[in-house]
Protein backbone atom coordinates (compact mmCIF):
# COMPACT_ATOMS: atom_id res chain seq x y z
CA MET A 1 0.01 0.02 -0.02
CA LYS A 2 1.20 3.50 -0.96
CA GLN A 3 1.66 5.83 1.85
CA LEU A 4 3.35 9.09 3.04
CA LYS A 5 5.53 8.26 5.89
CA ILE A 6 6.76 11.26 8.36
CA VAL A 7 9.57 10.21 10.33
CA PRO A 8 10.59 12.48 13.22
CA ILE A 9 14.31 11.60 13.98
CA GLY A 10 14.61 14.58 16.03
CA GLY A 11 12.07 17.68 17.57
CA LEU A 12 9.80 14.90 18.74
CA GLY A 13 9.48 15.53 22.72
CA LYS A 14 12.00 17.80 22.70
CA VAL A 15 12.63 21.14 21.87
CA THR A 16 15.70 20.87 20.02
CA GLN A 17 17.66 18.74 17.41
CA ASN A 18 14.70 19.16 14.85
CA MET A 19 14.82 16.91 11.92
CA PHE A 20 12.31 15.07 9.91
CA LEU A 21 11.99 12.77 7.18
CA TYR A 22 9.11 12.81 4.19
CA MET A 23 9.04 9.61 2.62
CA TYR A 24 7.00 8.46 -0.20
CA GLU A 25 7.86 5.44 -2.38
CA LYS A 26 11.61 5.79 -3.19
CA GLU A 27 11.90 9.46 -2.24
CA ILE A 28 12.99 11.37 0.69
CA LEU A 29 12.52 14.95 1.55
CA ILE A 30 14.33 16.34 4.74
CA VAL A 31 13.09 19.05 6.72
CA ASP A 32 15.15 20.61 8.96
CA CYS A 33 18.51 19.65 10.40
CA GLY A 34 19.12 20.97 13.94
CA ILE A 35 21.67 20.26 16.97
CA GLY A 36 20.76 19.72 20.38
CA PHE A 37 22.52 20.57 23.77
CA PRO A 38 23.84 18.00 25.97
CA ASP A 39 22.28 16.83 29.56
CA ASP A 40 23.97 16.99 32.97
CA TYR A 41 24.67 13.15 32.59
CA MET A 42 26.84 13.99 29.41
CA PRO A 43 30.06 15.34 30.51
CA GLY A 44 32.67 16.74 28.07
CA VAL A 45 29.94 16.63 25.24
CA ASP A 46 29.69 19.88 23.07
CA MET A 47 26.29 19.17 21.25
CA LEU A 48 23.81 16.28 20.15
CA ILE A 49 22.93 15.67 16.41
CA PRO A 50 20.00 13.67 15.30
CA ASP A 51 20.62 9.97 14.78
CA THR A 52 20.64 9.35 10.98
CA THR A 53 21.09 5.22 11.10
CA TYR A 54 17.42 4.78 9.49
CA LEU A 55 18.18 7.62 6.64
CA HIS A 56 21.07 5.38 5.67
CA GLU A 57 19.33 2.40 6.09
CA GLN A 58 16.85 3.61 3.61
CA LEU A 59 19.29 4.93 1.15
CA ALA A 60 21.40 1.89 1.13
CA GLU A 61 18.00 0.06 0.19
CA GLY A 62 17.90 2.38 -3.10
CA LYS A 63 15.78 5.36 -1.66
CA GLU A 64 16.49 8.84 -3.10
CA LEU A 65 17.05 12.23 -1.27
CA VAL A 66 15.34 14.66 -3.24
CA GLY A 67 15.92 17.89 -0.93
CA ILE A 68 16.53 19.47 2.36
CA VAL A 69 14.48 22.42 3.32
CA ILE A 70 15.50 24.38 6.46
CA SER A 71 12.69 26.37 8.19
CA HIS A 72 14.75 29.10 9.74
CA GLY A 73 18.02 30.06 11.02
CA HIS A 74 18.23 28.81 14.47
CA GLU A 75 20.79 26.25 15.41
CA ASP A 76 18.07 23.61 16.39
CA HIS A 77 16.93 23.77 13.20
CA MET A 78 20.09 23.84 10.90
CA GLY A 79 23.30 23.49 13.23
CA ALA A 80 23.89 19.79 12.36
CA LEU A 81 24.10 20.16 8.73
CA PRO A 82 27.93 20.28 8.99
CA TYR A 83 27.93 16.81 10.37
CA ILE A 84 25.13 15.16 8.45
CA LEU A 85 26.34 16.34 5.09
CA PRO A 86 29.73 14.75 4.95
CA GLU A 87 27.98 11.39 5.64
CA LEU A 88 25.94 11.51 2.61
CA GLU A 89 27.28 9.90 -0.86
CA GLU A 90 24.83 12.49 -2.98
CA ILE A 91 24.10 15.80 -1.26
CA PRO A 92 20.63 16.97 -2.45
CA PRO A 93 19.72 20.67 -2.99
CA ILE A 94 19.37 22.73 0.06
CA TRP A 95 16.42 25.35 0.12
CA GLY A 96 16.04 28.28 2.55
CA SER A 97 15.02 31.97 3.03
CA PRO A 98 17.54 34.35 2.32
CA LEU A 99 18.83 35.24 5.99
CA THR A 100 18.74 31.49 6.46
CA VAL A 101 20.81 30.39 3.48
CA GLY A 102 23.16 33.37 4.69
CA PHE A 103 23.75 31.43 8.12
CA ILE A 104 24.15 28.08 6.44
CA GLN A 105 26.74 29.26 3.75
CA LYS A 106 28.80 30.58 6.60
CA LYS A 107 28.35 27.86 8.55
CA LEU A 108 29.50 25.57 5.82
CA GLN A 109 32.20 27.92 4.90
CA ASP A 110 33.75 27.69 8.60
CA LYS A 111 33.63 23.94 8.28
CA LYS A 112 35.32 24.04 5.35
CA MET A 113 32.58 22.41 3.42
CA GLN A 114 31.55 24.89 1.06
CA GLY A 115 32.05 23.85 -2.55
CA MET A 116 32.31 20.01 -1.22
CA ARG A 117 30.77 18.08 -4.00
CA ASN A 118 28.86 20.65 -5.49
CA VAL A 119 27.00 21.49 -2.27
CA GLN A 120 23.72 23.59 -3.58
CA VAL A 121 22.19 26.09 -1.22
CA ASN A 122 19.40 27.67 -2.74
CA THR A 123 17.07 30.59 -1.74
CA PHE A 124 13.03 30.63 -2.10
CA GLU A 125 10.85 33.23 -1.79
CA ASN A 126 7.81 33.65 0.24
CA ARG A 127 5.06 31.57 -1.60
CA GLN A 128 7.42 30.28 -4.29
CA THR A 129 6.52 26.66 -5.20
CA VAL A 130 9.85 24.52 -5.49
CA LYS A 131 9.48 20.94 -6.92
CA LEU A 132 11.60 18.24 -5.10
CA GLY A 133 11.27 15.13 -7.09
CA GLU A 134 8.49 13.59 -8.39
CA HIS A 135 6.44 13.48 -5.59
CA PHE A 136 6.95 16.72 -3.45
CA GLN A 137 6.30 20.47 -3.71
CA VAL A 138 7.18 22.69 -0.89
CA MET A 139 5.94 26.38 -0.68
CA PRO A 140 7.08 28.51 2.14
CA LEU A 141 4.90 30.82 4.06
CA ALA A 142 6.16 33.98 6.19
CA VAL A 143 5.63 33.92 9.91
CA PRO A 144 7.20 36.16 12.57
CA HIS A 145 9.84 34.51 15.10
CA SER A 146 12.86 35.83 17.02
CA VAL A 147 14.80 35.31 13.75
CA PRO A 148 14.06 37.22 10.39
CA ASP A 149 13.02 35.09 7.61
CA THR A 150 11.20 32.43 9.21
CA ARG A 151 9.06 30.04 7.30
CA HIS A 152 6.39 27.47 7.44
CA LEU A 153 6.27 24.96 4.72
CA ALA A 154 3.20 23.61 2.73
CA ILE A 155 4.25 20.48 1.38
CA THR A 156 2.06 19.12 -1.37
CA THR A 157 2.56 15.13 -1.71
CA PRO A 158 0.45 12.17 -3.12
CA GLU A 159 -1.41 11.68 0.01
CA GLY A 160 -2.51 15.43 0.50
CA LEU A 161 -1.21 18.60 1.63
CA VAL A 162 0.91 18.65 4.84
CA TYR A 163 1.51 21.72 6.71
CA HIS A 164 4.86 21.88 8.52
CA GLY A 165 4.40 24.69 10.87
CA SER A 166 7.54 24.73 13.09
CA ASP A 167 8.46 27.81 15.23
CA PHE A 168 6.61 31.03 15.11
CA LYS A 169 4.54 33.37 17.02
CA LEU A 170 1.76 35.73 15.95
CA ASP A 171 3.31 39.35 16.14
CA GLU A 172 0.94 41.86 15.47
CA HIS A 173 3.72 44.52 15.34
CA PRO A 174 6.45 42.91 13.81
CA LEU A 175 9.81 45.14 13.83
CA ASP A 176 10.13 44.30 10.27
CA GLY A 177 6.68 44.65 9.08
CA VAL A 178 6.76 40.88 8.31
CA HIS A 179 2.83 39.30 9.29
CA ALA A 180 2.02 35.68 9.32
CA ASP A 181 0.96 34.95 5.86
CA PHE A 182 -2.79 34.43 7.09
CA GLU A 183 -3.85 35.06 3.25
CA THR A 184 -2.22 31.91 2.70
CA MET A 185 -2.93 29.84 5.64
CA LYS A 186 -6.71 30.57 4.87
CA ALA A 187 -6.46 29.38 1.14
CA LEU A 188 -4.67 26.25 2.09
CA GLY A 189 -7.53 25.63 4.59
CA LYS A 190 -9.97 26.17 1.84
CA GLN A 191 -7.85 23.80 -0.42
CA GLY A 192 -7.84 20.99 2.33
CA VAL A 193 -5.04 20.06 4.57
CA ALA A 194 -4.34 16.57 5.42
CA LEU A 195 -2.05 16.79 8.48
CA ALA A 196 -0.81 19.83 10.15
CA LEU A 197 2.31 19.85 12.40
CA ILE A 198 2.36 22.72 14.67
CA ASP A 199 4.95 24.17 17.12
CA CYS A 200 3.51 23.60 20.60
CA LEU A 201 6.44 24.97 22.66
CA ARG A 202 4.15 27.84 24.73
CA ALA A 203 1.08 25.75 24.62
CA GLU A 204 1.03 26.10 28.36
CA GLN A 205 0.60 30.18 28.07
CA LEU A 206 -2.79 30.86 27.45
CA GLU A 207 -2.54 34.52 26.50
CA HIS A 208 -1.10 36.10 23.33
CA THR A 209 2.82 36.15 23.41
CA PRO A 210 3.57 39.69 23.63
CA SER A 211 5.31 41.69 20.62
CA GLU A 212 9.13 41.79 20.38
CA THR A 213 8.53 45.74 20.00
CA THR A 214 7.85 45.82 23.50
CA VAL A 215 11.29 44.94 24.72
CA GLY A 216 13.03 48.16 22.89
CA PRO A 217 11.56 50.96 25.31
CA GLU A 218 12.56 48.96 28.20
CA ILE A 219 16.10 48.42 26.92
CA GLU A 220 15.91 52.22 26.05
CA LYS A 221 14.99 53.20 29.62
CA LEU A 222 17.99 51.05 31.19
CA MET A 223 20.49 52.47 28.69
CA ARG A 224 19.43 55.95 29.15
CA HIS A 225 20.22 55.75 33.08
CA THR A 226 23.44 53.88 32.54
CA LYS A 227 26.67 55.64 33.85
CA GLY A 228 29.12 53.83 32.26
CA LYS A 229 29.12 51.11 29.43
CA PHE A 230 25.88 49.46 28.49
CA VAL A 231 26.55 45.97 28.31
CA VAL A 232 23.92 43.65 26.77
CA THR A 233 24.21 39.98 25.79
CA LEU A 234 21.37 37.91 23.83
CA MET A 235 21.06 35.12 21.32
CA SER A 236 23.21 35.88 18.35
CA SER A 237 20.60 35.28 15.90
CA HIS A 238 18.09 37.50 17.24
CA ILE A 239 18.77 40.39 14.78
CA HIS A 240 15.18 42.31 15.53
CA ARG A 241 16.44 42.64 19.01
CA ILE A 242 19.66 43.74 17.70
CA GLN A 243 18.05 46.46 15.38
CA GLN A 244 15.96 47.92 18.19
CA ILE A 245 19.55 48.33 20.44
CA VAL A 246 20.85 49.92 17.02
CA ASN A 247 17.93 52.23 16.83
CA ILE A 248 18.14 53.19 20.61
CA CYS A 249 22.03 53.77 20.48
CA GLN A 250 21.40 56.17 17.67
CA GLU A 251 18.78 57.95 19.52
CA LEU A 252 20.98 58.24 22.93
CA GLY A 253 24.39 58.94 20.95
CA ARG A 254 25.92 55.83 22.07
CA LYS A 255 28.59 53.99 19.65
CA ILE A 256 27.57 50.25 19.21
CA VAL A 257 30.14 47.59 19.15
CA PHE A 258 29.53 43.46 18.70
CA ILE A 259 32.09 41.40 20.35
CA GLY A 260 31.96 37.55 19.91
CA ARG A 261 32.35 35.38 16.85
CA SER A 262 28.72 34.50 16.55
CA VAL A 263 27.15 37.90 16.94
CA GLU A 264 29.88 39.21 14.95
CA GLN A 265 28.96 36.90 11.86
CA ASN A 266 25.21 37.14 12.13
CA VAL A 267 25.55 41.11 12.11
CA GLN A 268 27.68 41.00 9.11
CA ILE A 269 25.13 38.53 7.17
CA ALA A 270 21.99 40.05 8.41
CA SER A 271 23.46 43.57 7.41
CA SER A 272 24.55 42.47 3.65
CA LEU A 273 20.97 41.09 3.15
CA LYS A 274 19.82 44.40 4.24
CA LYS A 275 17.80 42.27 7.15
CA LEU A 276 19.58 45.03 9.78
CA LYS A 277 20.18 48.27 9.34
CA ILE A 278 22.81 50.29 10.85
CA PRO A 279 23.28 53.94 10.28
CA GLN A 280 26.79 55.28 9.18
CA GLY A 281 28.70 56.41 12.31
CA VAL A 282 26.78 54.19 14.93
CA MET A 283 28.97 51.22 14.96
CA ILE A 284 32.56 51.06 15.71
CA ASP A 285 35.33 48.29 15.51
CA LYS A 286 35.76 46.57 18.67
CA ARG A 287 39.49 47.55 18.30
CA ASP A 288 38.78 50.94 18.77
CA LEU A 289 36.70 50.63 22.11
CA GLU A 290 39.64 52.52 24.13
CA LYS A 291 39.02 55.57 21.96
CA HIS A 292 35.57 56.22 23.50
CA LYS A 293 34.43 56.88 27.06
CA ASP A 294 32.60 54.27 28.58
CA ASN A 295 29.22 56.43 28.45
CA GLN A 296 29.46 56.49 25.07
CA LEU A 297 29.54 52.72 24.33
CA CYS A 298 26.95 50.05 24.17
CA VAL A 299 28.53 46.72 23.91
CA VAL A 300 26.51 43.77 22.62
CA ILE A 301 28.43 40.55 23.39
CA ALA A 302 27.59 36.78 22.82
CA GLY A 303 27.44 34.23 25.56
CA SER A 304 23.77 34.91 27.03
CA GLN A 305 23.48 31.20 28.40
CA GLY A 306 26.99 31.65 30.17
CA GLN A 307 28.65 29.29 28.17
CA GLU A 308 32.06 28.60 29.15
CA GLY A 309 34.62 30.29 26.77
CA SER A 310 32.19 32.76 25.34
CA SER A 311 33.06 36.44 25.11
CA LEU A 312 30.85 37.29 27.86
CA ILE A 313 32.14 35.08 30.51
CA ARG A 314 35.75 36.14 29.46
CA ALA A 315 34.69 39.50 30.02
CA VAL A 316 32.97 38.85 33.39
CA TYR A 317 36.17 36.90 34.71
CA GLY A 318 38.45 40.01 33.56
CA GLU A 319 39.91 37.77 30.66
CA HIS A 320 38.67 39.58 27.62
CA ARG A 321 41.35 41.63 25.72
CA GLN A 322 38.74 44.62 24.61
CA VAL A 323 36.02 44.64 27.28
CA GLN A 324 36.57 45.11 30.81
CA ILE A 325 33.56 45.32 33.07
CA LYS A 326 33.73 48.18 35.83
CA ALA A 327 31.42 49.19 38.64
CA ASP A 328 29.55 52.01 36.88
CA ASP A 329 28.70 49.65 33.58
CA LYS A 330 25.43 47.94 33.35
CA VAL A 331 24.95 44.45 32.43
CA VAL A 332 21.68 43.39 30.81
CA PHE A 333 20.84 39.60 30.16
CA SER A 334 18.09 40.21 27.24
CA ALA A 335 17.78 36.05 27.05
CA ASN A 336 15.82 33.67 29.38
CA VAL A 337 17.93 30.64 30.34
CA ILE A 338 17.73 27.50 28.19
CA PRO A 339 16.34 24.55 30.21
CA GLY A 340 19.91 22.57 31.02
CA ASN A 341 21.93 25.69 31.05
CA GLU A 342 20.81 26.96 34.69
CA ILE A 343 24.07 26.57 36.34
CA SER A 344 26.13 28.41 33.77
CA TYR A 345 23.58 31.45 33.17
CA TYR A 346 23.30 31.91 36.97
CA ARG A 347 27.05 31.75 37.81
CA ALA A 348 27.88 34.61 35.23
CA ILE A 349 25.00 36.44 36.87
CA ASN A 350 26.28 35.53 40.30
CA GLU A 351 29.92 36.54 39.84
CA LEU A 352 28.56 40.05 38.52
CA ALA A 353 26.32 40.62 41.10
CA GLY A 354 29.25 39.46 43.66
CA ASN A 355 31.70 42.12 42.01
CA GLY A 356 29.22 45.02 42.43
CA VAL A 357 28.27 45.13 39.10
CA ASN A 358 24.50 46.38 38.25
CA VAL A 359 23.26 43.16 36.31
CA ILE A 360 19.67 42.86 35.19
CA TYR A 361 18.10 39.78 33.98
CA PRO A 362 14.47 38.63 33.02
CA ASP A 363 13.73 37.05 36.29
CA VAL A 364 13.89 40.54 37.94
CA ASN A 365 12.48 42.35 34.74
CA PRO A 366 10.45 40.19 32.58
CA LEU A 367 10.16 42.83 29.97
CA LEU A 368 13.80 42.33 28.88
CA HIS A 369 12.74 39.25 26.75
CA GLN A 370 9.69 38.13 24.66
CA SER A 371 9.38 34.74 23.59
CA GLY A 372 9.52 33.77 19.44
CA HIS A 373 6.86 31.10 20.24
CA ALA A 374 3.06 31.17 20.06
CA SER A 375 0.84 30.59 22.67
CA ALA A 376 -1.94 28.24 22.76
CA ALA A 377 -4.55 30.94 21.56
CA GLU A 378 -1.96 31.74 18.60
CA GLN A 379 -1.87 27.97 17.59
CA ARG A 380 -5.33 27.58 17.94
CA ASP A 381 -5.63 30.98 15.54
CA VAL A 382 -3.36 29.03 12.92
CA VAL A 383 -5.44 25.63 13.18
CA LYS A 384 -8.52 27.44 12.72
CA LEU A 385 -7.28 29.15 9.06
CA LEU A 386 -5.74 25.46 8.17
CA GLN A 387 -8.60 23.57 9.15
CA PRO A 388 -6.51 20.35 9.09
CA LYS A 389 -8.12 16.86 9.57
CA PHE A 390 -5.37 15.77 11.53
CA LEU A 391 -2.93 17.68 14.00
CA MET A 392 0.48 17.02 15.12
CA PRO A 393 2.31 19.18 18.12
CA ILE A 394 5.97 19.32 17.52
CA GLY A 395 9.03 21.18 18.70
CA GLY A 396 8.22 20.81 22.46
CA GLU A 397 8.39 18.28 25.41
CA ASP A 398 6.00 15.84 26.33
CA ARG A 399 4.30 18.53 28.86
CA HIS A 400 3.83 21.03 26.06
CA ARG A 401 2.34 18.45 23.70
CA ALA A 402 -0.20 17.29 26.41
CA LYS A 403 -1.10 20.82 26.92
CA PHE A 404 -1.33 21.16 23.38
CA ARG A 405 -3.90 18.70 22.88
CA GLU A 406 -5.94 19.93 25.74
CA TYR A 407 -5.83 23.87 25.22
CA VAL A 408 -6.09 23.51 21.34
CA ALA A 409 -6.77 20.28 19.89
CA GLN A 410 -9.61 19.51 22.31
CA ALA A 411 -10.93 23.22 22.56
CA LEU A 412 -11.53 23.12 18.66
CA GLY A 413 -13.45 19.75 18.79
CA TYR A 414 -10.46 17.50 17.76
CA THR A 415 -10.96 13.94 19.14
CA LYS A 416 -7.92 11.90 20.52
CA ASP A 417 -7.65 9.84 17.56
CA LYS A 418 -7.37 13.21 15.26
CA THR A 419 -4.20 14.28 17.35
CA LEU A 420 -1.30 12.51 16.91
CA THR A 421 1.37 12.56 19.60
CA PRO A 422 3.72 9.64 18.65
CA LYS A 423 6.44 8.44 20.90
CA VAL A 424 10.07 8.94 20.23
CA GLY A 425 10.84 6.63 17.14
CA GLU A 426 7.33 6.17 16.08
CA ILE A 427 6.68 6.60 12.24
CA ILE A 428 3.44 8.44 11.01
CA GLY A 429 1.85 6.98 7.91
CA LEU A 430 -0.57 8.88 5.94
CA SER A 431 -2.80 7.23 3.25
CA LYS A 432 -6.21 7.68 1.61
CA GLY A 433 -7.01 10.59 3.75
CA GLU A 434 -6.02 8.55 7.43
CA ALA A 435 -3.06 9.12 9.42
CA LYS A 436 -1.62 7.13 12.06
CA VAL A 437 1.50 5.24 13.96
CA VAL A 438 2.07 2.92 11.44
CA ASP A 439 6.03 1.39 12.56
CA SER A 440 8.73 2.41 15.00
CA ILE A 441 12.51 2.37 14.88
CA GLU A 442 15.22 2.58 17.57
CA ILE A 443 16.64 6.36 17.93
CA ARG A 444 19.22 7.54 20.09
CA SER A 445 21.05 10.98 20.30
CA ARG A 446 24.63 10.93 18.71
CA THR A 447 26.99 13.11 20.47
CA VAL A 448 29.64 15.49 19.29
CA ASP A 449 32.71 16.03 21.11
CA GLY A 450 35.52 18.43 20.34
CA LEU A 451 36.47 18.75 16.88
CA GLY A 452 33.32 16.19 16.28
CA ILE A 453 35.23 13.31 14.94
CA GLY A 454 33.34 10.43 15.83
CA ASP A 455 30.75 9.63 18.00
CA VAL A 456 31.57 9.67 21.68
CA GLY A 457 28.73 6.81 22.57
CA PRO A 458 27.27 5.61 25.74
CA VAL A 459 30.29 3.50 26.62
CA VAL A 460 32.63 6.52 26.72
CA LEU A 461 30.14 8.71 28.82
CA SER A 462 29.66 5.91 31.47
CA ASP A 463 33.17 5.85 31.81
CA ARG A 464 33.25 9.74 32.21
CA ARG A 465 30.52 9.65 34.67
CA SER A 466 32.35 7.18 36.63
CA MET A 467 35.54 9.30 36.68
CA GLY A 468 33.72 12.36 37.63
CA GLN A 469 31.51 10.66 40.34
CA ALA A 470 34.32 8.36 41.80
CA GLY A 471 37.61 9.08 40.19
CA MET A 472 39.86 6.57 38.74
CA ILE A 473 42.85 4.37 40.03
CA VAL A 474 45.77 3.06 37.83
CA LEU A 475 47.59 -0.12 38.72
CA ILE A 476 51.01 -0.07 37.23
CA ILE A 477 51.95 -4.06 37.06
CA PRO A 478 55.49 -4.53 36.19
CA ARG A 479 56.15 -7.94 34.10
CA GLN A 480 59.70 -9.29 33.79
CA ARG A 481 60.12 -12.44 31.68
CA GLY A 482 56.47 -13.03 31.13
CA LYS A 483 55.90 -13.17 35.16
CA LEU A 484 53.78 -10.32 36.90
CA ASN A 485 55.66 -8.94 40.04
CA ILE A 486 52.67 -7.46 42.23
CA LYS A 487 54.96 -6.79 45.00
CA LYS A 488 56.26 -3.75 42.76
CA MET A 489 53.15 -2.72 41.77
CA GLU A 490 52.14 0.96 41.83
CA VAL A 491 49.07 2.17 42.60
CA VAL A 492 48.12 6.20 41.17
CA SER A 493 44.96 7.61 42.29
CA LYS A 494 43.14 10.65 40.40
CA GLY A 495 39.97 12.01 42.24
CA PHE A 496 39.52 8.70 44.24
CA VAL A 497 41.45 9.18 47.58
CA PHE A 498 44.62 11.62 48.76
CA MET A 499 47.41 8.66 48.53
CA LYS A 500 49.02 9.93 51.83
CA GLU A 501 46.15 9.56 53.77
CA ALA A 502 44.53 6.48 52.54
CA GLU A 503 47.31 3.73 53.21
CA GLU A 504 44.57 1.29 54.26
CA VAL A 505 42.78 1.46 51.28
CA ILE A 506 45.93 1.48 49.02
CA SER A 507 47.14 -1.73 51.07
CA PHE A 508 43.73 -3.19 50.44
CA ILE A 509 43.85 -2.71 46.71
CA GLU A 510 47.45 -4.02 46.78
CA LYS A 511 46.23 -7.33 48.48
CA GLU A 512 43.15 -7.97 46.36
CA THR A 513 44.75 -7.28 43.01
CA ALA A 514 47.60 -9.88 44.19
CA ASN A 515 44.63 -12.56 44.99
CA ILE A 516 42.91 -11.95 41.86
CA VAL A 517 46.01 -12.54 39.65
CA ASN A 518 47.37 -15.34 41.71
CA HIS A 519 43.78 -17.28 41.44
CA LEU A 520 44.28 -16.75 37.51
CA GLY A 521 47.23 -19.12 37.41
CA LYS A 522 49.84 -18.96 34.60
CA LYS A 523 47.71 -20.03 31.84
CA LYS A 524 45.41 -17.03 32.10
CA ASN A 525 47.88 -14.23 32.93
CA SER A 526 48.03 -12.35 29.52
CA PRO A 527 47.74 -8.48 29.90
CA LYS A 528 43.95 -8.90 28.52
CA ALA A 529 43.00 -11.43 30.94
CA VAL A 530 44.59 -9.93 34.02
CA SER A 531 43.20 -6.43 33.05
CA GLU A 532 39.52 -7.51 32.67
CA ALA A 533 39.94 -9.83 35.68
CA VAL A 534 41.42 -6.88 37.88
CA GLU A 535 39.11 -4.25 36.57
CA ARG A 536 35.99 -6.29 37.15
CA LYS A 537 36.51 -8.38 40.63
CA LEU A 538 38.49 -5.19 42.25
CA GLY A 539 35.44 -3.01 41.45
CA ARG A 540 33.10 -5.27 43.21
CA LYS A 541 35.47 -5.75 46.16
CA LEU A 542 36.00 -1.93 46.46
CA TYR A 543 32.61 -1.30 46.50
CA LYS A 544 31.61 -3.47 49.20
CA VAL A 545 34.18 -1.85 51.26
CA ILE A 546 33.79 1.89 50.78
CA GLN A 547 30.55 2.24 48.60
CA ARG A 548 32.46 3.73 45.65
CA GLU A 549 33.28 2.45 42.30
CA PRO A 550 35.94 4.19 40.79
CA MET A 551 37.39 3.57 37.04
CA ILE A 552 40.04 0.90 37.39
CA ILE A 553 42.63 1.05 34.87
CA PRO A 554 45.21 -2.17 34.95
CA VAL A 555 48.47 -1.10 33.02
CA ILE A 556 50.93 -4.41 32.60
CA MET A 557 54.33 -3.04 31.74
CA ASP A 558 57.29 -4.89 30.50
CA VAL A 559 60.47 -4.08 32.16
């Protein structure tokens, strides 16, 4: 039986790692390709990327990738492209709005992928229909969000029209004048929408999300009463908010300077595409900071989540070459903390407050940030226009999906079978006007560590957690002429015990290791056998005695 399959391999039950496969017969269309952020139990992991195992299995069976469409320029929707694309034998055309394409091209360039096997990154305009393969047509619709040029996607398939409505809000007073394309939504509703996927992140909120333009006046008030530098940190892609800060600087006679690689790059790209307008003479180079008095400066700096190594954190701890934060300065966090980043976010605020700096953040002044996501009321407005037969909340955690079902779907008369909330790994099938879960696959997050070479994996993460929680012991066992000399074994502890004060523990380790090795006998004393036996048995014995499980690393050294 022919059917359209929708495979969420990211963005289901979580806010980030958005990636969806649309499959019909032998063709696959990818919508979004985003990164995620590691949890506390993933030490040393820099980011997460979608698990593309199923995609590669399908390609190996003869399926064809006909295109990749990116809805907007946020990292959780496009940041995984440099990691996913090199794994593909054939890279299909990539499509996005002008600013999104600008961000993608810079990201590929930074990863030295520009031009790799003829990567085609194409720009589509609002309402422009793009045909991808034999079975898919995609038409982008403008919607407001916290990054300009955000698009919803009307995807025409042999099984009907699917509306892919990722991140959005219905801002009644958008800064750039780009309103949600209600006219096209209404027309699609009359045409007939089989399934609508709708951003549900703020489904818990019942009132309309306030306009982004309400943030500007509050920043203006704070800047006007700042004696020293006005230092503001925000999401680097929040071009609308940056535009408001630029306008305020022009009005108050302050020079604006951008500090931090991400914000500098995004400002340059947005300015070149005329998505950000900075009047001549308002912006200065960061190398010219010392030429201006502090009360003439506004510093927009990257690191709004308190990320280790960011420009903000280096400035907070006095380690930045250009920016020093002084007592008369005012530091403003114009961004909410992202779940999972609470420790680093508040650590930066605490450090500033402890140094006597006036630091202001949304917890004490909620007007410093407005969400870029639609509330339940706005989600209902979009559903009313589209009138889809089936609904599916995306882009939120399970609690958001539950509230979407209650506040949006049920409120509009959708029965339980008409609102799809598949579990992670479940595949939606659309055929002959009906939509339901038709299959399931195993999905896990892939971890990127350092340069992103390889996948850290659960075994490495388990080892890191062990070392972080209980430390490690290295047992250096000399071997002469094939015979282990346990009496001359050296025990090295890192993060486990302080050697000089733990003679009893060290003595216990030496004694038990000798017993384990002697019990193995001469026939089983190969380095591998000894290492495995010591690691396993000594670990159990240590836990019984001290209730801790350090990582144990036996090293057999020939002398």
